[in-house]
Amino acid sequence: MATIPTVHLNGTSGADLKREYLSAYEAIDNAIETLAGATLNARDFYPQGAGAYSQARSERNAAFRKLCEAQTYVEEMLEGICDQLR
């Protein structure tokens, strides 16, 4: 669970926090979509040996997990900020 910033008079405005975290969420979403669209074809790996494509696929899956983890963090932050603005 993310530690949510408290929206108050002496801190960053809730509107700014919301805008910044929404922008971060959209950027990560775009990164996920862009990576999903990037070619990962076994024909590009077979010259490296039998296990190269499987390794590349595993590395790509790990990258997706990291992006999804970052997106979940940002989503929690955004929800917590928005809850305070209601």
PDB file of N, CA and C in Angstrom:
ATOM      1  N   MET A   1       0.840  -1.185   0.000  1.00  0.00           N
ATOM      2  CA  MET A   1       0.000   0.000   0.000  1.00  0.00           C
ATOM      3  C   MET A   1       0.887   1.251   0.000  1.00  0.00           C
ATOM      4  N   ALA A   2       0.573   2.154  -0.864  1.00  0.00           N
ATOM      5  CA  ALA A   2       1.346   3.386  -0.998  1.00  0.00           C
ATOM      6  C   ALA A   2       1.063   4.342   0.160  1.00  0.00           C
ATOM      7  N   THR A   3       2.055   5.107   0.548  1.00  0.00           N
ATOM      8  CA  THR A   3       1.885   6.169   1.528  1.00  0.00           C
ATOM      9  C   THR A   3       1.408   7.397   0.767  1.00  0.00           C
ATOM     10  N   ILE A   4       0.166   7.783   1.018  1.00  0.00           N
ATOM     11  CA  ILE A   4      -0.493   8.846   0.266  1.00  0.00           C
ATOM     12  C   ILE A   4      -0.138  10.206   0.865  1.00  0.00           C
ATOM     13  N   PRO A   5       0.197  11.193   0.028  1.00  0.00           N
ATOM     14  CA  PRO A   5       0.449  12.531   0.567  1.00  0.00           C
ATOM     15  C   PRO A   5      -0.849  13.122   1.124  1.00  0.00           C
ATOM     16  N   THR A   6      -0.708  13.903   2.164  1.00  0.00           N
ATOM     17  CA  THR A   6      -1.863  14.582   2.743  1.00  0.00           C
ATOM     18  C   THR A   6      -2.030  15.935   2.057  1.00  0.00           C
ATOM     19  N   VAL A   7      -3.220  16.155   1.542  1.00  0.00           N
ATOM     20  CA  VAL A   7      -3.526  17.439   0.910  1.00  0.00           C
ATOM     21  C   VAL A   7      -3.879  18.421   2.030  1.00  0.00           C
ATOM     22  N   HIS A   8      -3.094  19.503   2.141  1.00  0.00           N
ATOM     23  CA  HIS A   8      -3.339  20.527   3.161  1.00  0.00           C
ATOM     24  C   HIS A   8      -2.798  21.865   2.669  1.00  0.00           C
ATOM     25  N   LEU A   9      -3.081  22.916   3.404  1.00  0.00           N
ATOM     26  CA  LEU A   9      -2.761  24.275   2.957  1.00  0.00           C
ATOM     27  C   LEU A   9      -1.270  24.547   2.782  1.00  0.00           C
ATOM     28  N   ASN A  10      -0.419  23.908   3.556  1.00  0.00           N
ATOM     29  CA  ASN A  10       1.017  24.165   3.470  1.00  0.00           C
ATOM     30  C   ASN A  10       1.746  23.234   2.502  1.00  0.00           C
ATOM     31  N   GLY A  11       1.008  22.357   1.861  1.00  0.00           N
ATOM     32  CA  GLY A  11       1.637  21.396   0.947  1.00  0.00           C
ATOM     33  C   GLY A  11       1.292  21.689  -0.503  1.00  0.00           C
ATOM     34  N   THR A  12       1.638  20.749  -1.341  1.00  0.00           N
ATOM     35  CA  THR A  12       1.311  20.846  -2.763  1.00  0.00           C
ATOM     36  C   THR A  12      -0.206  20.787  -2.918  1.00  0.00           C
ATOM     37  N   SER A  13      -0.738  21.579  -3.816  1.00  0.00           N
ATOM     38  CA  SER A  13      -2.193  21.600  -3.979  1.00  0.00           C
ATOM     39  C   SER A  13      -2.700  20.248  -4.463  1.00  0.00           C
ATOM     40  N   GLY A  14      -3.900  19.910  -4.054  1.00  0.00           N
ATOM     41  CA  GLY A  14      -4.519  18.665  -4.483  1.00  0.00           C
ATOM     42  C   GLY A  14      -4.658  18.597  -5.992  1.00  0.00           C
ATOM     43  N   ALA A  15      -4.983  19.724  -6.611  1.00  0.00           N
ATOM     44  CA  ALA A  15      -5.125  19.761  -8.068  1.00  0.00           C
ATOM     45  C   ALA A  15      -3.797  19.446  -8.752  1.00  0.00           C
ATOM     46  N   ASP A  16      -2.696  19.993  -8.211  1.00  0.00           N
ATOM     47  CA  ASP A  16      -1.381  19.710  -8.799  1.00  0.00           C
ATOM     48  C   ASP A  16      -1.007  18.242  -8.622  1.00  0.00           C
ATOM     49  N   LEU A  17      -1.224  17.712  -7.420  1.00  0.00           N
ATOM     50  CA  LEU A  17      -0.920  16.305  -7.171  1.00  0.00           C
ATOM     51  C   LEU A  17      -1.724  15.399  -8.095  1.00  0.00           C
ATOM     52  N   LYS A  18      -3.008  15.701  -8.226  1.00  0.00           N
ATOM     53  CA  LYS A  18      -3.869  14.903  -9.091  1.00  0.00           C
ATOM     54  C   LYS A  18      -3.368  14.953 -10.536  1.00  0.00           C
ATOM     55  N   ARG A  19      -3.062  16.126 -11.016  1.00  0.00           N
ATOM     56  CA  ARG A  19      -2.589  16.294 -12.391  1.00  0.00           C
ATOM     57  C   ARG A  19      -1.281  15.549 -12.611  1.00  0.00           C
ATOM     58  N   GLU A  20      -0.350  15.670 -11.678  1.00  0.00           N
ATOM     59  CA  GLU A  20       0.961  15.036 -11.822  1.00  0.00           C
ATOM     60  C   GLU A  20       0.863  13.510 -11.813  1.00  0.00           C
ATOM     61  N   TYR A  21       0.086  12.959 -10.881  1.00  0.00           N
ATOM     62  CA  TYR A  21      -0.038  11.504 -10.802  1.00  0.00           C
ATOM     63  C   TYR A  21      -0.879  10.943 -11.946  1.00  0.00           C
ATOM     64  N   LEU A  22      -1.848  11.703 -12.425  1.00  0.00           N
ATOM     65  CA  LEU A  22      -2.605  11.275 -13.591  1.00  0.00           C
ATOM     66  C   LEU A  22      -1.687  11.226 -14.811  1.00  0.00           C
ATOM     67  N   SER A  23      -0.831  12.217 -14.945  1.00  0.00           N
ATOM     68  CA  SER A  23       0.131  12.240 -16.042  1.00  0.00           C
ATOM     69  C   SER A  23       1.071  11.037 -15.959  1.00  0.00           C
ATOM     70  N   ALA A  24       1.532  10.717 -14.762  1.00  0.00           N
ATOM     71  CA  ALA A  24       2.415   9.558 -14.577  1.00  0.00           C
ATOM     72  C   ALA A  24       1.683   8.267 -14.937  1.00  0.00           C
ATOM     73  N   TYR A  25       0.426   8.150 -14.513  1.00  0.00           N
ATOM     74  CA  TYR A  25      -0.368   6.957 -14.825  1.00  0.00           C
ATOM     75  C   TYR A  25      -0.508   6.794 -16.337  1.00  0.00           C
ATOM     76  N   GLU A  26      -0.840   7.882 -17.008  1.00  0.00           N
ATOM     77  CA  GLU A  26      -1.016   7.828 -18.468  1.00  0.00           C
ATOM     78  C   GLU A  26       0.290   7.483 -19.173  1.00  0.00           C
ATOM     79  N   ALA A  27       1.405   7.994 -18.681  1.00  0.00           N
ATOM     80  CA  ALA A  27       2.704   7.698 -19.287  1.00  0.00           C
ATOM     81  C   ALA A  27       3.048   6.211 -19.136  1.00  0.00           C
ATOM     82  N   ILE A  28       2.783   5.653 -17.966  1.00  0.00           N
ATOM     83  CA  ILE A  28       3.053   4.227 -17.750  1.00  0.00           C
ATOM     84  C   ILE A  28       2.123   3.386 -18.618  1.00  0.00           C
ATOM     85  N   ASP A  29       0.859   3.789 -18.703  1.00  0.00           N
ATOM     86  CA  ASP A  29      -0.098   3.086 -19.557  1.00  0.00           C
ATOM     87  C   ASP A  29       0.387   3.091 -21.006  1.00  0.00           C
ATOM     88  N   ASN A  30       0.882   4.229 -21.447  1.00  0.00           N
ATOM     89  CA  ASN A  30       1.425   4.337 -22.805  1.00  0.00           C
ATOM     90  C   ASN A  30       2.657   3.445 -22.980  1.00  0.00           C
ATOM     91  N   ALA A  31       3.502   3.390 -21.969  1.00  0.00           N
ATOM     92  CA  ALA A  31       4.688   2.537 -22.035  1.00  0.00           C
ATOM     93  C   ALA A  31       4.292   1.065 -22.145  1.00  0.00           C
ATOM     94  N   ILE A  32       3.276   0.660 -21.395  1.00  0.00           N
ATOM     95  CA  ILE A  32       2.802  -0.728 -21.459  1.00  0.00           C
ATOM     96  C   ILE A  32       2.279  -1.037 -22.861  1.00  0.00           C
ATOM     97  N   GLU A  33       1.465  -0.149 -23.392  1.00  0.00           N
ATOM     98  CA  GLU A  33       0.910  -0.356 -24.733  1.00  0.00           C
ATOM     99  C   GLU A  33       2.010  -0.373 -25.798  1.00  0.00           C
ATOM    100  N   THR A  34       2.979   0.508 -25.664  1.00  0.00           N
ATOM    101  CA  THR A  34       4.065   0.583 -26.634  1.00  0.00           C
ATOM    102  C   THR A  34       4.927  -0.672 -26.589  1.00  0.00           C
ATOM    103  N   LEU A  35       5.243  -1.133 -25.391  1.00  0.00           N
ATOM    104  CA  LEU A  35       6.031  -2.355 -25.256  1.00  0.00           C
ATOM    105  C   LEU A  35       5.258  -3.553 -25.809  1.00  0.00           C
ATOM    106  N   ALA A  36       3.959  -3.598 -25.557  1.00  0.00           N
ATOM    107  CA  ALA A  36       3.139  -4.696 -26.083  1.00  0.00           C
ATOM    108  C   ALA A  36       3.161  -4.714 -27.609  1.00  0.00           C
ATOM    109  N   GLY A  37       3.277  -3.558 -28.219  1.00  0.00           N
ATOM    110  CA  GLY A  37       3.295  -3.470 -29.672  1.00  0.00           C
ATOM    111  C   GLY A  37       4.661  -3.694 -30.304  1.00  0.00           C
ATOM    112  N   ALA A  38       5.692  -3.748 -29.485  1.00  0.00           N
ATOM    113  CA  ALA A  38       7.044  -3.966 -30.006  1.00  0.00           C
ATOM    114  C   ALA A  38       7.211  -5.429 -30.414  1.00  0.00           C
ATOM    115  N   THR A  39       7.808  -5.643 -31.561  1.00  0.00           N
ATOM    116  CA  THR A  39       7.969  -6.988 -32.098  1.00  0.00           C
ATOM    117  C   THR A  39       8.835  -7.855 -31.191  1.00  0.00           C
ATOM    118  N   LEU A  40       8.339  -9.056 -30.933  1.00  0.00           N
ATOM    119  CA  LEU A  40       9.124 -10.078 -30.233  1.00  0.00           C
ATOM    120  C   LEU A  40       8.858 -11.379 -30.992  1.00  0.00           C
ATOM    121  N   ASN A  41       9.674 -11.617 -32.006  1.00  0.00           N
ATOM    122  CA  ASN A  41       9.470 -12.727 -32.913  1.00  0.00           C
ATOM    123  C   ASN A  41      10.614 -13.719 -32.767  1.00  0.00           C
ATOM    124  N   ALA A  42      10.268 -14.981 -32.657  1.00  0.00           N
ATOM    125  CA  ALA A  42      11.288 -16.021 -32.479  1.00  0.00           C
ATOM    126  C   ALA A  42      12.324 -16.018 -33.604  1.00  0.00           C
ATOM    127  N   ARG A  43      11.920 -15.604 -34.794  1.00  0.00           N
ATOM    128  CA  ARG A  43      12.869 -15.576 -35.928  1.00  0.00           C
ATOM    129  C   ARG A  43      14.023 -14.613 -35.685  1.00  0.00           C
ATOM    130  N   ASP A  44      13.803 -13.634 -34.818  1.00  0.00           N
ATOM    131  CA  ASP A  44      14.858 -12.654 -34.539  1.00  0.00           C
ATOM    132  C   ASP A  44      15.871 -13.157 -33.511  1.00  0.00           C
ATOM    133  N   PHE A  45      15.600 -14.320 -32.930  1.00  0.00           N
ATOM    134  CA  PHE A  45      16.453 -14.829 -31.855  1.00  0.00           C
ATOM    135  C   PHE A  45      17.112 -16.171 -32.151  1.00  0.00           C
ATOM    136  N   TYR A  46      16.592 -16.940 -33.112  1.00  0.00           N
ATOM    137  CA  TYR A  46      17.117 -18.294 -33.302  1.00  0.00           C
ATOM    138  C   TYR A  46      18.606 -18.366 -33.629  1.00  0.00           C
ATOM    139  N   PRO A  47      19.196 -17.333 -34.274  1.00  0.00           N
ATOM    140  CA  PRO A  47      20.648 -17.437 -34.510  1.00  0.00           C
ATOM    141  C   PRO A  47      21.463 -17.471 -33.208  1.00  0.00           C
ATOM    142  N   GLN A  48      20.856 -17.040 -32.104  1.00  0.00           N
ATOM    143  CA  GLN A  48      21.566 -17.005 -30.824  1.00  0.00           C
ATOM    144  C   GLN A  48      21.502 -18.341 -30.084  1.00  0.00           C
ATOM    145  N   GLY A  49      20.697 -19.262 -30.576  1.00  0.00           N
ATOM    146  CA  GLY A  49      20.595 -20.571 -29.933  1.00  0.00           C
ATOM    147  C   GLY A  49      19.172 -20.879 -29.515  1.00  0.00           C
ATOM    148  N   ALA A  50      18.972 -22.121 -29.122  1.00  0.00           N
ATOM    149  CA  ALA A  50      17.624 -22.632 -28.844  1.00  0.00           C
ATOM    150  C   ALA A  50      16.907 -21.893 -27.714  1.00  0.00           C
ATOM    151  N   GLY A  51      17.593 -21.443 -26.722  1.00  0.00           N
ATOM    152  CA  GLY A  51      16.941 -20.829 -25.568  1.00  0.00           C
ATOM    153  C   GLY A  51      16.805 -19.325 -25.624  1.00  0.00           C
ATOM    154  N   ALA A  52      17.306 -18.696 -26.670  1.00  0.00           N
ATOM    155  CA  ALA A  52      17.345 -17.231 -26.716  1.00  0.00           C
ATOM    156  C   ALA A  52      15.953 -16.607 -26.741  1.00  0.00           C
ATOM    157  N   TYR A  53      15.051 -17.157 -27.527  1.00  0.00           N
ATOM    158  CA  TYR A  53      13.702 -16.581 -27.600  1.00  0.00           C
ATOM    159  C   TYR A  53      12.978 -16.725 -26.264  1.00  0.00           C
ATOM    160  N   SER A  54      13.093 -17.883 -25.650  1.00  0.00           N
ATOM    161  CA  SER A  54      12.461 -18.080 -24.340  1.00  0.00           C
ATOM    162  C   SER A  54      13.011 -17.096 -23.315  1.00  0.00           C
ATOM    163  N   GLN A  55      14.306 -16.874 -23.353  1.00  0.00           N
ATOM    164  CA  GLN A  55      14.933 -15.918 -22.438  1.00  0.00           C
ATOM    165  C   GLN A  55      14.421 -14.508 -22.708  1.00  0.00           C
ATOM    166  N   ALA A  56      14.358 -14.140 -23.985  1.00  0.00           N
ATOM    167  CA  ALA A  56      13.863 -12.804 -24.345  1.00  0.00           C
ATOM    168  C   ALA A  56      12.413 -12.630 -23.905  1.00  0.00           C
ATOM    169  N   ARG A  57      11.613 -13.659 -24.079  1.00  0.00           N
ATOM    170  CA  ARG A  57      10.199 -13.608 -23.665  1.00  0.00           C
ATOM    171  C   ARG A  57      10.098 -13.456 -22.148  1.00  0.00           C
ATOM    172  N   SER A  58      10.920 -14.179 -21.428  1.00  0.00           N
ATOM    173  CA  SER A  58      10.938 -14.088 -19.966  1.00  0.00           C
ATOM    174  C   SER A  58      11.345 -12.688 -19.510  1.00  0.00           C
ATOM    175  N   GLU A  59      12.340 -12.119 -20.150  1.00  0.00           N
ATOM    176  CA  GLU A  59      12.789 -10.764 -19.807  1.00  0.00           C
ATOM    177  C   GLU A  59      11.702  -9.741 -20.099  1.00  0.00           C
ATOM    178  N   ARG A  60      10.999  -9.917 -21.211  1.00  0.00           N
ATOM    179  CA  ARG A  60       9.901  -9.005 -21.555  1.00  0.00           C
ATOM    180  C   ARG A  60       8.771  -9.103 -20.531  1.00  0.00           C
ATOM    181  N   ASN A  61       8.441 -10.327 -20.128  1.00  0.00           N
ATOM    182  CA  ASN A  61       7.403 -10.507 -19.108  1.00  0.00           C
ATOM    183  C   ASN A  61       7.791  -9.836 -17.795  1.00  0.00           C
ATOM    184  N   ALA A  62       9.063  -9.921 -17.440  1.00  0.00           N
ATOM    185  CA  ALA A  62       9.543  -9.257 -16.224  1.00  0.00           C
ATOM    186  C   ALA A  62       9.396  -7.738 -16.350  1.00  0.00           C
ATOM    187  N   ALA A  63       9.684  -7.205 -17.536  1.00  0.00           N
ATOM    188  CA  ALA A  63       9.531  -5.764 -17.761  1.00  0.00           C
ATOM    189  C   ALA A  63       8.069  -5.356 -17.629  1.00  0.00           C
ATOM    190  N   PHE A  64       7.153  -6.162 -18.172  1.00  0.00           N
ATOM    191  CA  PHE A  64       5.720  -5.878 -18.025  1.00  0.00           C
ATOM    192  C   PHE A  64       5.308  -5.878 -16.556  1.00  0.00           C
ATOM    193  N   ARG A  65       5.814  -6.850 -15.800  1.00  0.00           N
ATOM    194  CA  ARG A  65       5.466  -6.907 -14.365  1.00  0.00           C
ATOM    195  C   ARG A  65       5.930  -5.649 -13.640  1.00  0.00           C
ATOM    196  N   LYS A  66       7.118  -5.169 -13.962  1.00  0.00           N
ATOM    197  CA  LYS A  66       7.644  -3.960 -13.323  1.00  0.00           C
ATOM    198  C   LYS A  66       6.801  -2.741 -13.690  1.00  0.00           C
ATOM    199  N   LEU A  67       6.425  -2.631 -14.959  1.00  0.00           N
ATOM    200  CA  LEU A  67       5.571  -1.518 -15.374  1.00  0.00           C
ATOM    201  C   LEU A  67       4.214  -1.578 -14.673  1.00  0.00           C
ATOM    202  N   CYS A  68       3.654  -2.771 -14.584  1.00  0.00           N
ATOM    203  CA  CYS A  68       2.354  -2.924 -13.915  1.00  0.00           C
ATOM    204  C   CYS A  68       2.455  -2.604 -12.425  1.00  0.00           C
ATOM    205  N   GLU A  69       3.573  -2.959 -11.816  1.00  0.00           N
ATOM    206  CA  GLU A  69       3.804  -2.630 -10.406  1.00  0.00           C
ATOM    207  C   GLU A  69       3.879  -1.109 -10.224  1.00  0.00           C
ATOM    208  N   ALA A  70       4.582  -0.437 -11.113  1.00  0.00           N
ATOM    209  CA  ALA A  70       4.669   1.019 -11.046  1.00  0.00           C
ATOM    210  C   ALA A  70       3.297   1.650 -11.266  1.00  0.00           C
ATOM    211  N   GLN A  71       2.536   1.102 -12.192  1.00  0.00           N
ATOM    212  CA  GLN A  71       1.211   1.645 -12.472  1.00  0.00           C
ATOM    213  C   GLN A  71       0.279   1.463 -11.273  1.00  0.00           C
ATOM    214  N   THR A  72       0.373   0.329 -10.601  1.00  0.00           N
ATOM    215  CA  THR A  72      -0.434   0.095  -9.409  1.00  0.00           C
ATOM    216  C   THR A  72      -0.088   1.101  -8.320  1.00  0.00           C
ATOM    217  N   TYR A  73       1.198   1.359  -8.124  1.00  0.00           N
ATOM    218  CA  TYR A  73       1.632   2.357  -7.149  1.00  0.00           C
ATOM    219  C   TYR A  73       1.027   3.724  -7.465  1.00  0.00           C
ATOM    220  N   VAL A  74       1.147   4.150  -8.715  1.00  0.00           N
ATOM    221  CA  VAL A  74       0.637   5.465  -9.114  1.00  0.00           C
ATOM    222  C   VAL A  74      -0.883   5.507  -8.975  1.00  0.00           C
ATOM    223  N   GLU A  75      -1.544   4.422  -9.310  1.00  0.00           N
ATOM    224  CA  GLU A  75      -3.001   4.362  -9.180  1.00  0.00           C
ATOM    225  C   GLU A  75      -3.431   4.515  -7.722  1.00  0.00           C
ATOM    226  N   GLU A  76      -2.726   3.860  -6.812  1.00  0.00           N
ATOM    227  CA  GLU A  76      -3.023   4.002  -5.387  1.00  0.00           C
ATOM    228  C   GLU A  76      -2.824   5.445  -4.927  1.00  0.00           C
ATOM    229  N   MET A  77      -1.754   6.064  -5.384  1.00  0.00           N
ATOM    230  CA  MET A  77      -1.507   7.457  -5.030  1.00  0.00           C
ATOM    231  C   MET A  77      -2.635   8.348  -5.544  1.00  0.00           C
ATOM    232  N   LEU A  78      -2.990   8.161  -6.791  1.00  0.00           N
ATOM    233  CA  LEU A  78      -4.035   8.960  -7.416  1.00  0.00           C
ATOM    234  C   LEU A  78      -5.373   8.775  -6.717  1.00  0.00           C
ATOM    235  N   GLU A  79      -5.723   7.546  -6.394  1.00  0.00           N
ATOM    236  CA  GLU A  79      -6.988   7.293  -5.684  1.00  0.00           C
ATOM    237  C   GLU A  79      -6.992   7.961  -4.315  1.00  0.00           C
ATOM    238  N   GLY A  80      -5.862   7.853  -3.611  1.00  0.00           N
ATOM    239  CA  GLY A  80      -5.769   8.467  -2.288  1.00  0.00           C
ATOM    240  C   GLY A  80      -5.869   9.981  -2.348  1.00  0.00           C
ATOM    241  N   ILE A  81      -5.291  10.570  -3.358  1.00  0.00           N
ATOM    242  CA  ILE A  81      -5.363  12.026  -3.528  1.00  0.00           C
ATOM    243  C   ILE A  81      -6.792  12.425  -3.885  1.00  0.00           C
ATOM    244  N   CYS A  82      -7.385  11.722  -4.829  1.00  0.00           N
ATOM    245  CA  CYS A  82      -8.756  12.039  -5.247  1.00  0.00           C
ATOM    246  C   CYS A  82      -9.757  11.874  -4.104  1.00  0.00           C
ATOM    247  N   ASP A  83      -9.549  10.871  -3.258  1.00  0.00           N
ATOM    248  CA  ASP A  83     -10.431  10.674  -2.100  1.00  0.00           C
ATOM    249  C   ASP A  83     -10.434  11.909  -1.196  1.00  0.00           C
ATOM    250  N   GLN A  84      -9.287  12.567  -1.087  1.00  0.00           N
ATOM    251  CA  GLN A  84      -9.185  13.755  -0.242  1.00  0.00           C
ATOM    252  C   GLN A  84      -9.814  14.978  -0.881  1.00  0.00           C
ATOM    253  N   LEU A  85      -9.981  14.957  -2.189  1.00  0.00           N
ATOM    254  CA  LEU A  85     -10.524  16.117  -2.897  1.00  0.00           C
ATOM    255  C   LEU A  85     -12.059  16.092  -2.973  1.00  0.00           C
ATOM    256  N   ARG A  86     -12.652  15.001  -2.545  1.00  0.00           N
ATOM    257  CA  ARG A  86     -14.119  14.881  -2.589  1.00  0.00           C
ATOM    258  C   ARG A  86     -14.759  15.601  -1.456  1.00  0.00           C
TER     259      ARG A  86
END
